[in-house]
Amino acid sequence: MELLFGVLTFAGVFSLAHVIIMHGHPVTARVLDTLGGILGGISIFSGIVTLIFAWGLWTLKTWAFWLVVALEVFSLIRHLLEFARPDHSTVAIVLGLVLPVVILLYLLVDPNVRAAFFRR
């Protein structure tokens, strides 16, 4: 999904910038080109990393297991730190904690999952 978004961002912003140049606003078009390139590049990079993670999990690579565990722990910490915000929404934070906790429990507690990733 991120790859598609990145490609569409590139195409859309560059097309829009072309129209803006044709109407005599080169500075605005250059700013749009730069922002579109950055946003599209970030989306494409994110999509490639997601594909690598998905492939690693699909092929039961140990490195993918530990990277997902690390990302989910990071996600838990990030959600817990939101309690420090003065205008936090307790419901939103708790709901945001559910998926990382479920994923971590599935990866770390289920013996079948651990056996699949760590069989040699």
PDB file of N, CA and C in Angstrom:
ATOM      1  N   MET A   1       0.819  -1.186   0.000  1.00  0.00           N
ATOM      2  CA  MET A   1       0.000   0.000   0.000  1.00  0.00           C
ATOM      3  C   MET A   1       0.865   1.253   0.000  1.00  0.00           C
ATOM      4  N   GLU A   2       1.959   1.227   0.794  1.00  0.00           N
ATOM      5  CA  GLU A   2       2.824   2.397   0.845  1.00  0.00           C
ATOM      6  C   GLU A   2       3.506   2.637  -0.491  1.00  0.00           C
ATOM      7  N   LEU A   3       3.876   1.546  -1.197  1.00  0.00           N
ATOM      8  CA  LEU A   3       4.508   1.703  -2.507  1.00  0.00           C
ATOM      9  C   LEU A   3       3.563   2.397  -3.481  1.00  0.00           C
ATOM     10  N   LEU A   4       2.325   1.962  -3.500  1.00  0.00           N
ATOM     11  CA  LEU A   4       1.338   2.568  -4.387  1.00  0.00           C
ATOM     12  C   LEU A   4       1.127   4.037  -4.026  1.00  0.00           C
ATOM     13  N   PHE A   5       1.029   4.328  -2.744  1.00  0.00           N
ATOM     14  CA  PHE A   5       0.863   5.712  -2.307  1.00  0.00           C
ATOM     15  C   PHE A   5       2.060   6.557  -2.730  1.00  0.00           C
ATOM     16  N   GLY A   6       3.261   6.010  -2.597  1.00  0.00           N
ATOM     17  CA  GLY A   6       4.459   6.748  -2.986  1.00  0.00           C
ATOM     18  C   GLY A   6       4.485   7.061  -4.464  1.00  0.00           C
ATOM     19  N   VAL A   7       4.163   6.077  -5.289  1.00  0.00           N
ATOM     20  CA  VAL A   7       4.152   6.294  -6.738  1.00  0.00           C
ATOM     21  C   VAL A   7       3.079   7.306  -7.115  1.00  0.00           C
ATOM     22  N   LEU A   8       1.895   7.175  -6.530  1.00  0.00           N
ATOM     23  CA  LEU A   8       0.820   8.127  -6.825  1.00  0.00           C
ATOM     24  C   LEU A   8       1.157   9.530  -6.333  1.00  0.00           C
ATOM     25  N   THR A   9       1.844   9.629  -5.205  1.00  0.00           N
ATOM     26  CA  THR A   9       2.266  10.941  -4.708  1.00  0.00           C
ATOM     27  C   THR A   9       3.238  11.586  -5.679  1.00  0.00           C
ATOM     28  N   PHE A  10       4.237  10.795  -6.108  1.00  0.00           N
ATOM     29  CA  PHE A  10       5.175  11.319  -7.102  1.00  0.00           C
ATOM     30  C   PHE A  10       4.435  11.835  -8.333  1.00  0.00           C
ATOM     31  N   ALA A  11       3.603  10.989  -8.916  1.00  0.00           N
ATOM     32  CA  ALA A  11       2.920  11.342 -10.156  1.00  0.00           C
ATOM     33  C   ALA A  11       1.993  12.542  -9.974  1.00  0.00           C
ATOM     34  N   GLY A  12       1.202  12.528  -8.905  1.00  0.00           N
ATOM     35  CA  GLY A  12       0.248  13.606  -8.682  1.00  0.00           C
ATOM     36  C   GLY A  12       0.905  14.948  -8.422  1.00  0.00           C
ATOM     37  N   VAL A  13       1.912  14.955  -7.569  1.00  0.00           N
ATOM     38  CA  VAL A  13       2.553  16.228  -7.222  1.00  0.00           C
ATOM     39  C   VAL A  13       3.330  16.779  -8.404  1.00  0.00           C
ATOM     40  N   PHE A  14       4.013  15.913  -9.141  1.00  0.00           N
ATOM     41  CA  PHE A  14       4.772  16.404 -10.285  1.00  0.00           C
ATOM     42  C   PHE A  14       3.847  16.901 -11.391  1.00  0.00           C
ATOM     43  N   SER A  15       2.693  16.266 -11.542  1.00  0.00           N
ATOM     44  CA  SER A  15       1.716  16.756 -12.521  1.00  0.00           C
ATOM     45  C   SER A  15       1.157  18.105 -12.089  1.00  0.00           C
ATOM     46  N   LEU A  16       0.851  18.227 -10.818  1.00  0.00           N
ATOM     47  CA  LEU A  16       0.349  19.493 -10.301  1.00  0.00           C
ATOM     48  C   LEU A  16       1.392  20.593 -10.447  1.00  0.00           C
ATOM     49  N   ALA A  17       2.649  20.260 -10.161  1.00  0.00           N
ATOM     50  CA  ALA A  17       3.721  21.247 -10.298  1.00  0.00           C
ATOM     51  C   ALA A  17       3.863  21.682 -11.749  1.00  0.00           C
ATOM     52  N   HIS A  18       3.698  20.779 -12.697  1.00  0.00           N
ATOM     53  CA  HIS A  18       3.773  21.132 -14.118  1.00  0.00           C
ATOM     54  C   HIS A  18       2.680  22.131 -14.476  1.00  0.00           C
ATOM     55  N   VAL A  19       1.477  21.898 -13.978  1.00  0.00           N
ATOM     56  CA  VAL A  19       0.367  22.823 -14.239  1.00  0.00           C
ATOM     57  C   VAL A  19       0.663  24.189 -13.624  1.00  0.00           C
ATOM     58  N   ILE A  20       1.239  24.207 -12.423  1.00  0.00           N
ATOM     59  CA  ILE A  20       1.543  25.480 -11.756  1.00  0.00           C
ATOM     60  C   ILE A  20       2.625  26.235 -12.526  1.00  0.00           C
ATOM     61  N   ILE A  21       3.626  25.528 -13.048  1.00  0.00           N
ATOM     62  CA  ILE A  21       4.673  26.182 -13.848  1.00  0.00           C
ATOM     63  C   ILE A  21       4.059  26.797 -15.099  1.00  0.00           C
ATOM     64  N   MET A  22       3.131  26.070 -15.716  1.00  0.00           N
ATOM     65  CA  MET A  22       2.501  26.569 -16.945  1.00  0.00           C
ATOM     66  C   MET A  22       1.715  27.850 -16.679  1.00  0.00           C
ATOM     67  N   HIS A  23       1.295  28.062 -15.436  1.00  0.00           N
ATOM     68  CA  HIS A  23       0.566  29.276 -15.094  1.00  0.00           C
ATOM     69  C   HIS A  23       1.475  30.365 -14.538  1.00  0.00           C
ATOM     70  N   GLY A  24       2.792  30.157 -14.614  1.00  0.00           N
ATOM     71  CA  GLY A  24       3.737  31.205 -14.271  1.00  0.00           C
ATOM     72  C   GLY A  24       4.145  31.299 -12.821  1.00  0.00           C
ATOM     73  N   HIS A  25       4.134  30.210 -12.082  1.00  0.00           N
ATOM     74  CA  HIS A  25       4.543  30.217 -10.679  1.00  0.00           C
ATOM     75  C   HIS A  25       5.654  29.187 -10.456  1.00  0.00           C
ATOM     76  N   PRO A  26       6.865  29.463 -10.936  1.00  0.00           N
ATOM     77  CA  PRO A  26       7.934  28.454 -10.849  1.00  0.00           C
ATOM     78  C   PRO A  26       8.396  28.158  -9.428  1.00  0.00           C
ATOM     79  N   VAL A  27       8.390  29.145  -8.541  1.00  0.00           N
ATOM     80  CA  VAL A  27       8.860  28.911  -7.169  1.00  0.00           C
ATOM     81  C   VAL A  27       7.901  27.972  -6.440  1.00  0.00           C
ATOM     82  N   THR A  28       6.615  28.224  -6.566  1.00  0.00           N
ATOM     83  CA  THR A  28       5.624  27.352  -5.941  1.00  0.00           C
ATOM     84  C   THR A  28       5.731  25.934  -6.493  1.00  0.00           C
ATOM     85  N   ALA A  29       5.941  25.826  -7.792  1.00  0.00           N
ATOM     86  CA  ALA A  29       6.066  24.506  -8.413  1.00  0.00           C
ATOM     87  C   ALA A  29       7.306  23.782  -7.905  1.00  0.00           C
ATOM     88  N   ARG A  30       8.402  24.509  -7.719  1.00  0.00           N
ATOM     89  CA  ARG A  30       9.632  23.880  -7.228  1.00  0.00           C
ATOM     90  C   ARG A  30       9.445  23.388  -5.785  1.00  0.00           C
ATOM     91  N   VAL A  31       8.765  24.164  -4.963  1.00  0.00           N
ATOM     92  CA  VAL A  31       8.487  23.737  -3.588  1.00  0.00           C
ATOM     93  C   VAL A  31       7.609  22.483  -3.596  1.00  0.00           C
ATOM     94  N   LEU A  32       6.600  22.474  -4.452  1.00  0.00           N
ATOM     95  CA  LEU A  32       5.728  21.299  -4.566  1.00  0.00           C
ATOM     96  C   LEU A  32       6.508  20.083  -5.049  1.00  0.00           C
ATOM     97  N   ASP A  33       7.402  20.285  -6.024  1.00  0.00           N
ATOM     98  CA  ASP A  33       8.236  19.179  -6.502  1.00  0.00           C
ATOM     99  C   ASP A  33       9.076  18.607  -5.373  1.00  0.00           C
ATOM    100  N   THR A  34       9.668  19.477  -4.573  1.00  0.00           N
ATOM    101  CA  THR A  34      10.521  19.024  -3.476  1.00  0.00           C
ATOM    102  C   THR A  34       9.715  18.273  -2.422  1.00  0.00           C
ATOM    103  N   LEU A  35       8.597  18.848  -2.007  1.00  0.00           N
ATOM    104  CA  LEU A  35       7.757  18.186  -1.007  1.00  0.00           C
ATOM    105  C   LEU A  35       7.205  16.866  -1.526  1.00  0.00           C
ATOM    106  N   GLY A  36       6.780  16.847  -2.775  1.00  0.00           N
ATOM    107  CA  GLY A  36       6.262  15.620  -3.365  1.00  0.00           C
ATOM    108  C   GLY A  36       7.331  14.545  -3.457  1.00  0.00           C
ATOM    109  N   GLY A  37       8.545  14.958  -3.785  1.00  0.00           N
ATOM    110  CA  GLY A  37       9.647  13.998  -3.843  1.00  0.00           C
ATOM    111  C   GLY A  37       9.962  13.416  -2.481  1.00  0.00           C
ATOM    112  N   ILE A  38       9.953  14.271  -1.473  1.00  0.00           N
ATOM    113  CA  ILE A  38      10.242  13.796  -0.111  1.00  0.00           C
ATOM    114  C   ILE A  38       9.140  12.864   0.380  1.00  0.00           C
ATOM    115  N   LEU A  39       7.877  13.291   0.254  1.00  0.00           N
ATOM    116  CA  LEU A  39       6.762  12.457   0.723  1.00  0.00           C
ATOM    117  C   LEU A  39       6.664  11.155  -0.064  1.00  0.00           C
ATOM    118  N   GLY A  40       6.827  11.226  -1.357  1.00  0.00           N
ATOM    119  CA  GLY A  40       6.784  10.018  -2.166  1.00  0.00           C
ATOM    120  C   GLY A  40       7.940   9.092  -1.850  1.00  0.00           C
ATOM    121  N   GLY A  41       9.124   9.666  -1.645  1.00  0.00           N
ATOM    122  CA  GLY A  41      10.296   8.851  -1.308  1.00  0.00           C
ATOM    123  C   GLY A  41      10.140   8.151   0.027  1.00  0.00           C
ATOM    124  N   ILE A  42       9.607   8.858   1.004  1.00  0.00           N
ATOM    125  CA  ILE A  42       9.377   8.246   2.321  1.00  0.00           C
ATOM    126  C   ILE A  42       8.367   7.110   2.195  1.00  0.00           C
ATOM    127  N   SER A  43       7.314   7.323   1.431  1.00  0.00           N
ATOM    128  CA  SER A  43       6.297   6.276   1.262  1.00  0.00           C
ATOM    129  C   SER A  43       6.864   5.063   0.534  1.00  0.00           C
ATOM    130  N   ILE A  44       7.664   5.288  -0.494  1.00  0.00           N
ATOM    131  CA  ILE A  44       8.263   4.167  -1.224  1.00  0.00           C
ATOM    132  C   ILE A  44       9.239   3.417  -0.328  1.00  0.00           C
ATOM    133  N   PHE A  45      10.057   4.136   0.437  1.00  0.00           N
ATOM    134  CA  PHE A  45      10.988   3.490   1.358  1.00  0.00           C
ATOM    135  C   PHE A  45      10.229   2.667   2.398  1.00  0.00           C
ATOM    136  N   SER A  46       9.174   3.235   2.949  1.00  0.00           N
ATOM    137  CA  SER A  46       8.359   2.524   3.933  1.00  0.00           C
ATOM    138  C   SER A  46       7.739   1.270   3.328  1.00  0.00           C
ATOM    139  N   GLY A  47       7.292   1.365   2.097  1.00  0.00           N
ATOM    140  CA  GLY A  47       6.715   0.202   1.427  1.00  0.00           C
ATOM    141  C   GLY A  47       7.735  -0.894   1.194  1.00  0.00           C
ATOM    142  N   ILE A  48       8.956  -0.521   0.816  1.00  0.00           N
ATOM    143  CA  ILE A  48      10.017  -1.514   0.600  1.00  0.00           C
ATOM    144  C   ILE A  48      10.379  -2.195   1.912  1.00  0.00           C
ATOM    145  N   VAL A  49      10.511  -1.424   2.991  1.00  0.00           N
ATOM    146  CA  VAL A  49      10.820  -2.010   4.299  1.00  0.00           C
ATOM    147  C   VAL A  49       9.697  -2.947   4.737  1.00  0.00           C
ATOM    148  N   THR A  50       8.452  -2.555   4.495  1.00  0.00           N
ATOM    149  CA  THR A  50       7.316  -3.410   4.837  1.00  0.00           C
ATOM    150  C   THR A  50       7.362  -4.719   4.054  1.00  0.00           C
ATOM    151  N   LEU A  51       7.698  -4.650   2.781  1.00  0.00           N
ATOM    152  CA  LEU A  51       7.814  -5.869   1.973  1.00  0.00           C
ATOM    153  C   LEU A  51       8.933  -6.769   2.484  1.00  0.00           C
ATOM    154  N   ILE A  52      10.054  -6.183   2.885  1.00  0.00           N
ATOM    155  CA  ILE A  52      11.165  -6.979   3.425  1.00  0.00           C
ATOM    156  C   ILE A  52      10.736  -7.663   4.730  1.00  0.00           C
ATOM    157  N   PHE A  53      10.068  -6.919   5.614  1.00  0.00           N
ATOM    158  CA  PHE A  53       9.571  -7.510   6.866  1.00  0.00           C
ATOM    159  C   PHE A  53       8.577  -8.630   6.571  1.00  0.00           C
ATOM    160  N   ALA A  54       7.653  -8.386   5.643  1.00  0.00           N
ATOM    161  CA  ALA A  54       6.644  -9.395   5.316  1.00  0.00           C
ATOM    162  C   ALA A  54       7.308 -10.652   4.754  1.00  0.00           C
ATOM    163  N   TRP A  55       8.279 -10.472   3.881  1.00  0.00           N
ATOM    164  CA  TRP A  55       8.990 -11.626   3.331  1.00  0.00           C
ATOM    165  C   TRP A  55       9.717 -12.381   4.446  1.00  0.00           C
ATOM    166  N   GLY A  56      10.372 -11.650   5.356  1.00  0.00           N
ATOM    167  CA  GLY A  56      11.077 -12.290   6.461  1.00  0.00           C
ATOM    168  C   GLY A  56      10.149 -13.072   7.367  1.00  0.00           C
ATOM    169  N   LEU A  57       8.978 -12.527   7.642  1.00  0.00           N
ATOM    170  CA  LEU A  57       8.009 -13.247   8.470  1.00  0.00           C
ATOM    171  C   LEU A  57       7.419 -14.434   7.712  1.00  0.00           C
ATOM    172  N   TRP A  58       7.140 -14.248   6.435  1.00  0.00           N
ATOM    173  CA  TRP A  58       6.552 -15.325   5.632  1.00  0.00           C
ATOM    174  C   TRP A  58       7.500 -16.516   5.531  1.00  0.00           C
ATOM    175  N   THR A  59       8.807 -16.234   5.428  1.00  0.00           N
ATOM    176  CA  THR A  59       9.788 -17.308   5.293  1.00  0.00           C
ATOM    177  C   THR A  59      10.369 -17.722   6.643  1.00  0.00           C
ATOM    178  N   LEU A  60       9.757 -17.229   7.726  1.00  0.00           N
ATOM    179  CA  LEU A  60      10.121 -17.602   9.096  1.00  0.00           C
ATOM    180  C   LEU A  60      11.583 -17.313   9.414  1.00  0.00           C
ATOM    181  N   LYS A  61      12.045 -16.136   9.054  1.00  0.00           N
ATOM    182  CA  LYS A  61      13.414 -15.726   9.356  1.00  0.00           C
ATOM    183  C   LYS A  61      13.487 -15.228  10.802  1.00  0.00           C
ATOM    184  N   THR A  62      14.524 -15.643  11.498  1.00  0.00           N
ATOM    185  CA  THR A  62      14.692 -15.249  12.900  1.00  0.00           C
ATOM    186  C   THR A  62      14.856 -13.746  13.042  1.00  0.00           C
ATOM    187  N   TRP A  63      15.575 -13.110  12.111  1.00  0.00           N
ATOM    188  CA  TRP A  63      15.786 -11.663  12.198  1.00  0.00           C
ATOM    189  C   TRP A  63      14.457 -10.912  12.105  1.00  0.00           C
ATOM    190  N   ALA A  64      13.528 -11.408  11.292  1.00  0.00           N
ATOM    191  CA  ALA A  64      12.221 -10.748  11.167  1.00  0.00           C
ATOM    192  C   ALA A  64      11.432 -10.882  12.468  1.00  0.00           C
ATOM    193  N   PHE A  65      11.542 -12.041  13.102  1.00  0.00           N
ATOM    194  CA  PHE A  65      10.877 -12.263  14.391  1.00  0.00           C
ATOM    195  C   PHE A  65      11.336 -11.212  15.393  1.00  0.00           C
ATOM    196  N   TRP A  66      12.661 -11.054  15.546  1.00  0.00           N
ATOM    197  CA  TRP A  66      13.195 -10.121  16.542  1.00  0.00           C
ATOM    198  C   TRP A  66      12.945  -8.670  16.163  1.00  0.00           C
ATOM    199  N   LEU A  67      12.951  -8.353  14.873  1.00  0.00           N
ATOM    200  CA  LEU A  67      12.640  -6.980  14.465  1.00  0.00           C
ATOM    201  C   LEU A  67      11.188  -6.628  14.777  1.00  0.00           C
ATOM    202  N   VAL A  68      10.286  -7.562  14.552  1.00  0.00           N
ATOM    203  CA  VAL A  68       8.881  -7.302  14.864  1.00  0.00           C
ATOM    204  C   VAL A  68       8.694  -7.177  16.379  1.00  0.00           C
ATOM    205  N   VAL A  69       9.368  -8.011  17.152  1.00  0.00           N
ATOM    206  CA  VAL A  69       9.288  -7.891  18.614  1.00  0.00           C
ATOM    207  C   VAL A  69       9.792  -6.503  19.040  1.00  0.00           C
ATOM    208  N   ALA A  70      10.915  -6.074  18.476  1.00  0.00           N
ATOM    209  CA  ALA A  70      11.463  -4.752  18.827  1.00  0.00           C
ATOM    210  C   ALA A  70      10.511  -3.635  18.418  1.00  0.00           C
ATOM    211  N   LEU A  71       9.922  -3.725  17.240  1.00  0.00           N
ATOM    212  CA  LEU A  71       8.977  -2.696  16.795  1.00  0.00           C
ATOM    213  C   LEU A  71       7.730  -2.650  17.671  1.00  0.00           C
ATOM    214  N   GLU A  72       7.255  -3.800  18.088  1.00  0.00           N
ATOM    215  CA  GLU A  72       6.065  -3.821  18.943  1.00  0.00           C
ATOM    216  C   GLU A  72       6.369  -3.294  20.344  1.00  0.00           C
ATOM    217  N   VAL A  73       7.547  -3.578  20.861  1.00  0.00           N
ATOM    218  CA  VAL A  73       7.948  -3.011  22.162  1.00  0.00           C
ATOM    219  C   VAL A  73       8.054  -1.495  22.042  1.00  0.00           C
ATOM    220  N   PHE A  74       8.648  -1.022  20.948  1.00  0.00           N
ATOM    221  CA  PHE A  74       8.729   0.419  20.697  1.00  0.00           C
ATOM    222  C   PHE A  74       7.327   1.027  20.615  1.00  0.00           C
ATOM    223  N   SER A  75       6.409   0.326  19.948  1.00  0.00           N
ATOM    224  CA  SER A  75       5.038   0.812  19.835  1.00  0.00           C
ATOM    225  C   SER A  75       4.362   0.882  21.209  1.00  0.00           C
ATOM    226  N   LEU A  76       4.591  -0.124  22.044  1.00  0.00           N
ATOM    227  CA  LEU A  76       4.043  -0.101  23.405  1.00  0.00           C
ATOM    228  C   LEU A  76       4.568   1.095  24.196  1.00  0.00           C
ATOM    229  N   ILE A  77       5.873   1.306  24.129  1.00  0.00           N
ATOM    230  CA  ILE A  77       6.478   2.433  24.856  1.00  0.00           C
ATOM    231  C   ILE A  77       5.914   3.755  24.357  1.00  0.00           C
ATOM    232  N   ARG A  78       5.786   3.880  23.032  1.00  0.00           N
ATOM    233  CA  ARG A  78       5.251   5.119  22.456  1.00  0.00           C
ATOM    234  C   ARG A  78       3.828   5.370  22.930  1.00  0.00           C
ATOM    235  N   HIS A  79       3.018   4.321  22.957  1.00  0.00           N
ATOM    236  CA  HIS A  79       1.637   4.499  23.418  1.00  0.00           C
ATOM    237  C   HIS A  79       1.584   4.810  24.912  1.00  0.00           C
ATOM    238  N   LEU A  80       2.426   4.175  25.693  1.00  0.00           N
ATOM    239  CA  LEU A  80       2.436   4.457  27.135  1.00  0.00           C
ATOM    240  C   LEU A  80       2.906   5.878  27.431  1.00  0.00           C
ATOM    241  N   LEU A  81       3.837   6.396  26.633  1.00  0.00           N
ATOM    242  CA  LEU A  81       4.310   7.763  26.838  1.00  0.00           C
ATOM    243  C   LEU A  81       3.238   8.805  26.524  1.00  0.00           C
ATOM    244  N   GLU A  82       2.227   8.406  25.787  1.00  0.00           N
ATOM    245  CA  GLU A  82       1.140   9.348  25.500  1.00  0.00           C
ATOM    246  C   GLU A  82       0.339   9.698  26.755  1.00  0.00           C
ATOM    247  N   PHE A  83       0.435   8.874  27.811  1.00  0.00           N
ATOM    248  CA  PHE A  83      -0.218   9.225  29.070  1.00  0.00           C
ATOM    249  C   PHE A  83       0.377  10.492  29.675  1.00  0.00           C
ATOM    250  N   ALA A  84       1.614  10.838  29.296  1.00  0.00           N
ATOM    251  CA  ALA A  84       2.261  12.035  29.830  1.00  0.00           C
ATOM    252  C   ALA A  84       1.708  13.311  29.209  1.00  0.00           C
ATOM    253  N   ARG A  85       1.011  13.185  28.091  1.00  0.00           N
ATOM    254  CA  ARG A  85       0.427  14.371  27.459  1.00  0.00           C
ATOM    255  C   ARG A  85      -0.730  14.885  28.300  1.00  0.00           C
ATOM    256  N   PRO A  86      -0.864  16.191  28.430  1.00  0.00           N
ATOM    257  CA  PRO A  86      -1.942  16.720  29.265  1.00  0.00           C
ATOM    258  C   PRO A  86      -3.331  16.495  28.684  1.00  0.00           C
ATOM    259  N   ASP A  87      -3.433  16.339  27.383  1.00  0.00           N
ATOM    260  CA  ASP A  87      -4.747  16.175  26.751  1.00  0.00           C
ATOM    261  C   ASP A  87      -4.927  14.772  26.186  1.00  0.00           C
ATOM    262  N   HIS A  88      -4.422  13.776  26.913  1.00  0.00           N
ATOM    263  CA  HIS A  88      -4.476  12.407  26.391  1.00  0.00           C
ATOM    264  C   HIS A  88      -5.890  11.824  26.455  1.00  0.00           C
ATOM    265  N   SER A  89      -6.132  10.902  25.550  1.00  0.00           N
ATOM    266  CA  SER A  89      -7.392  10.162  25.533  1.00  0.00           C
ATOM    267  C   SER A  89      -7.092   8.744  26.003  1.00  0.00           C
ATOM    268  N   THR A  90      -7.559   8.416  27.192  1.00  0.00           N
ATOM    269  CA  THR A  90      -7.275   7.111  27.771  1.00  0.00           C
ATOM    270  C   THR A  90      -7.813   5.984  26.902  1.00  0.00           C
ATOM    271  N   VAL A  91      -8.980   6.156  26.346  1.00  0.00           N
ATOM    272  CA  VAL A  91      -9.573   5.123  25.498  1.00  0.00           C
ATOM    273  C   VAL A  91      -8.708   4.892  24.265  1.00  0.00           C
ATOM    274  N   ALA A  92      -8.270   5.970  23.618  1.00  0.00           N
ATOM    275  CA  ALA A  92      -7.438   5.839  22.414  1.00  0.00           C
ATOM    276  C   ALA A  92      -6.104   5.171  22.736  1.00  0.00           C
ATOM    277  N   ILE A  93      -5.520   5.507  23.876  1.00  0.00           N
ATOM    278  CA  ILE A  93      -4.237   4.909  24.254  1.00  0.00           C
ATOM    279  C   ILE A  93      -4.408   3.423  24.535  1.00  0.00           C
ATOM    280  N   VAL A  94      -5.439   3.065  25.289  1.00  0.00           N
ATOM    281  CA  VAL A  94      -5.676   1.657  25.608  1.00  0.00           C
ATOM    282  C   VAL A  94      -5.971   0.859  24.332  1.00  0.00           C
ATOM    283  N   LEU A  95      -6.779   1.425  23.438  1.00  0.00           N
ATOM    284  CA  LEU A  95      -7.050   0.734  22.178  1.00  0.00           C
ATOM    285  C   LEU A  95      -5.777   0.605  21.337  1.00  0.00           C
ATOM    286  N   GLY A  96      -4.914   1.602  21.396  1.00  0.00           N
ATOM    287  CA  GLY A  96      -3.639   1.539  20.685  1.00  0.00           C
ATOM    288  C   GLY A  96      -2.679   0.518  21.266  1.00  0.00           C
ATOM    289  N   LEU A  97      -2.869   0.178  22.524  1.00  0.00           N
ATOM    290  CA  LEU A  97      -2.017  -0.825  23.178  1.00  0.00           C
ATOM    291  C   LEU A  97      -2.453  -2.257  22.874  1.00  0.00           C
ATOM    292  N   VAL A  98      -3.686  -2.446  22.463  1.00  0.00           N
ATOM    293  CA  VAL A  98      -4.228  -3.797  22.296  1.00  0.00           C
ATOM    294  C   VAL A  98      -3.468  -4.583  21.233  1.00  0.00           C
ATOM    295  N   LEU A  99      -3.311  -4.036  20.051  1.00  0.00           N
ATOM    296  CA  LEU A  99      -2.686  -4.782  18.952  1.00  0.00           C
ATOM    297  C   LEU A  99      -1.227  -5.135  19.240  1.00  0.00           C
ATOM    298  N   PRO A 100      -0.387  -4.202  19.703  1.00  0.00           N
ATOM    299  CA  PRO A 100       0.985  -4.600  20.028  1.00  0.00           C
ATOM    300  C   PRO A 100       1.058  -5.678  21.111  1.00  0.00           C
ATOM    301  N   VAL A 101       0.186  -5.610  22.110  1.00  0.00           N
ATOM    302  CA  VAL A 101       0.190  -6.626  23.161  1.00  0.00           C
ATOM    303  C   VAL A 101      -0.203  -7.986  22.589  1.00  0.00           C
ATOM    304  N   VAL A 102      -1.224  -8.017  21.751  1.00  0.00           N
ATOM    305  CA  VAL A 102      -1.663  -9.278  21.142  1.00  0.00           C
ATOM    306  C   VAL A 102      -0.550  -9.861  20.278  1.00  0.00           C
ATOM    307  N   ILE A 103       0.108  -9.031  19.482  1.00  0.00           N
ATOM    308  CA  ILE A 103       1.190  -9.512  18.621  1.00  0.00           C
ATOM    309  C   ILE A 103       2.349 -10.036  19.462  1.00  0.00           C
ATOM    310  N   LEU A 104       2.728  -9.301  20.492  1.00  0.00           N
ATOM    311  CA  LEU A 104       3.827  -9.760  21.347  1.00  0.00           C
ATOM    312  C   LEU A 104       3.476 -11.069  22.052  1.00  0.00           C
ATOM    313  N   LEU A 105       2.271 -11.166  22.573  1.00  0.00           N
ATOM    314  CA  LEU A 105       1.869 -12.416  23.226  1.00  0.00           C
ATOM    315  C   LEU A 105       1.890 -13.578  22.236  1.00  0.00           C
ATOM    316  N   TYR A 106       1.400 -13.343  21.041  1.00  0.00           N
ATOM    317  CA  TYR A 106       1.390 -14.392  20.024  1.00  0.00           C
ATOM    318  C   TYR A 106       2.815 -14.833  19.677  1.00  0.00           C
ATOM    319  N   LEU A 107       3.707 -13.876  19.490  1.00  0.00           N
ATOM    320  CA  LEU A 107       5.076 -14.218  19.109  1.00  0.00           C
ATOM    321  C   LEU A 107       5.865 -14.841  20.253  1.00  0.00           C
ATOM    322  N   LEU A 108       5.694 -14.338  21.463  1.00  0.00           N
ATOM    323  CA  LEU A 108       6.554 -14.764  22.565  1.00  0.00           C
ATOM    324  C   LEU A 108       5.990 -15.911  23.396  1.00  0.00           C
ATOM    325  N   VAL A 109       4.675 -16.087  23.412  1.00  0.00           N
ATOM    326  CA  VAL A 109       4.085 -17.090  24.293  1.00  0.00           C
ATOM    327  C   VAL A 109       3.722 -18.382  23.554  1.00  0.00           C
ATOM    328  N   ASP A 110       3.240 -18.276  22.341  1.00  0.00           N
ATOM    329  CA  ASP A 110       2.800 -19.466  21.604  1.00  0.00           C
ATOM    330  C   ASP A 110       4.000 -20.341  21.238  1.00  0.00           C
ATOM    331  N   PRO A 111       4.064 -21.569  21.764  1.00  0.00           N
ATOM    332  CA  PRO A 111       5.222 -22.429  21.489  1.00  0.00           C
ATOM    333  C   PRO A 111       5.329 -22.831  20.016  1.00  0.00           C
ATOM    334  N   ASN A 112       4.215 -22.891  19.308  1.00  0.00           N
ATOM    335  CA  ASN A 112       4.274 -23.241  17.893  1.00  0.00           C
ATOM    336  C   ASN A 112       4.955 -22.143  17.068  1.00  0.00           C
ATOM    337  N   VAL A 113       4.693 -20.897  17.410  1.00  0.00           N
ATOM    338  CA  VAL A 113       5.312 -19.780  16.705  1.00  0.00           C
ATOM    339  C   VAL A 113       6.809 -19.763  16.977  1.00  0.00           C
ATOM    340  N   ARG A 114       7.168 -19.900  18.234  1.00  0.00           N
ATOM    341  CA  ARG A 114       8.599 -19.901  18.580  1.00  0.00           C
ATOM    342  C   ARG A 114       9.317 -21.064  17.928  1.00  0.00           C
ATOM    343  N   ALA A 115       8.680 -22.216  17.907  1.00  0.00           N
ATOM    344  CA  ALA A 115       9.306 -23.384  17.273  1.00  0.00           C
ATOM    345  C   ALA A 115       9.481 -23.165  15.769  1.00  0.00           C
ATOM    346  N   ALA A 116       8.506 -22.533  15.135  1.00  0.00           N
ATOM    347  CA  ALA A 116       8.611 -22.296  13.699  1.00  0.00           C
ATOM    348  C   ALA A 116       9.747 -21.336  13.355  1.00  0.00           C
ATOM    349  N   PHE A 117       9.926 -20.294  14.167  1.00  0.00           N
ATOM    350  CA  PHE A 117      10.971 -19.313  13.867  1.00  0.00           C
ATOM    351  C   PHE A 117      12.355 -19.781  14.303  1.00  0.00           C
ATOM    352  N   PHE A 118      12.435 -20.667  15.282  1.00  0.00           N
ATOM    353  CA  PHE A 118      13.736 -21.024  15.819  1.00  0.00           C
ATOM    354  C   PHE A 118      14.154 -22.469  15.540  1.00  0.00           C
ATOM    355  N   ARG A 119      13.462 -23.132  14.653  1.00  0.00           N
ATOM    356  CA  ARG A 119      13.910 -24.500  14.324  1.00  0.00           C
ATOM    357  C   ARG A 119      15.126 -24.407  13.422  1.00  0.00           C
ATOM    358  N   ARG A 120      16.041 -25.278  13.650  1.00  0.00           N
ATOM    359  CA  ARG A 120      17.293 -25.282  12.874  1.00  0.00           C
ATOM    360  C   ARG A 120      17.450 -26.597  12.195  1.00  0.00           C
TER     361      ARG A 120
END
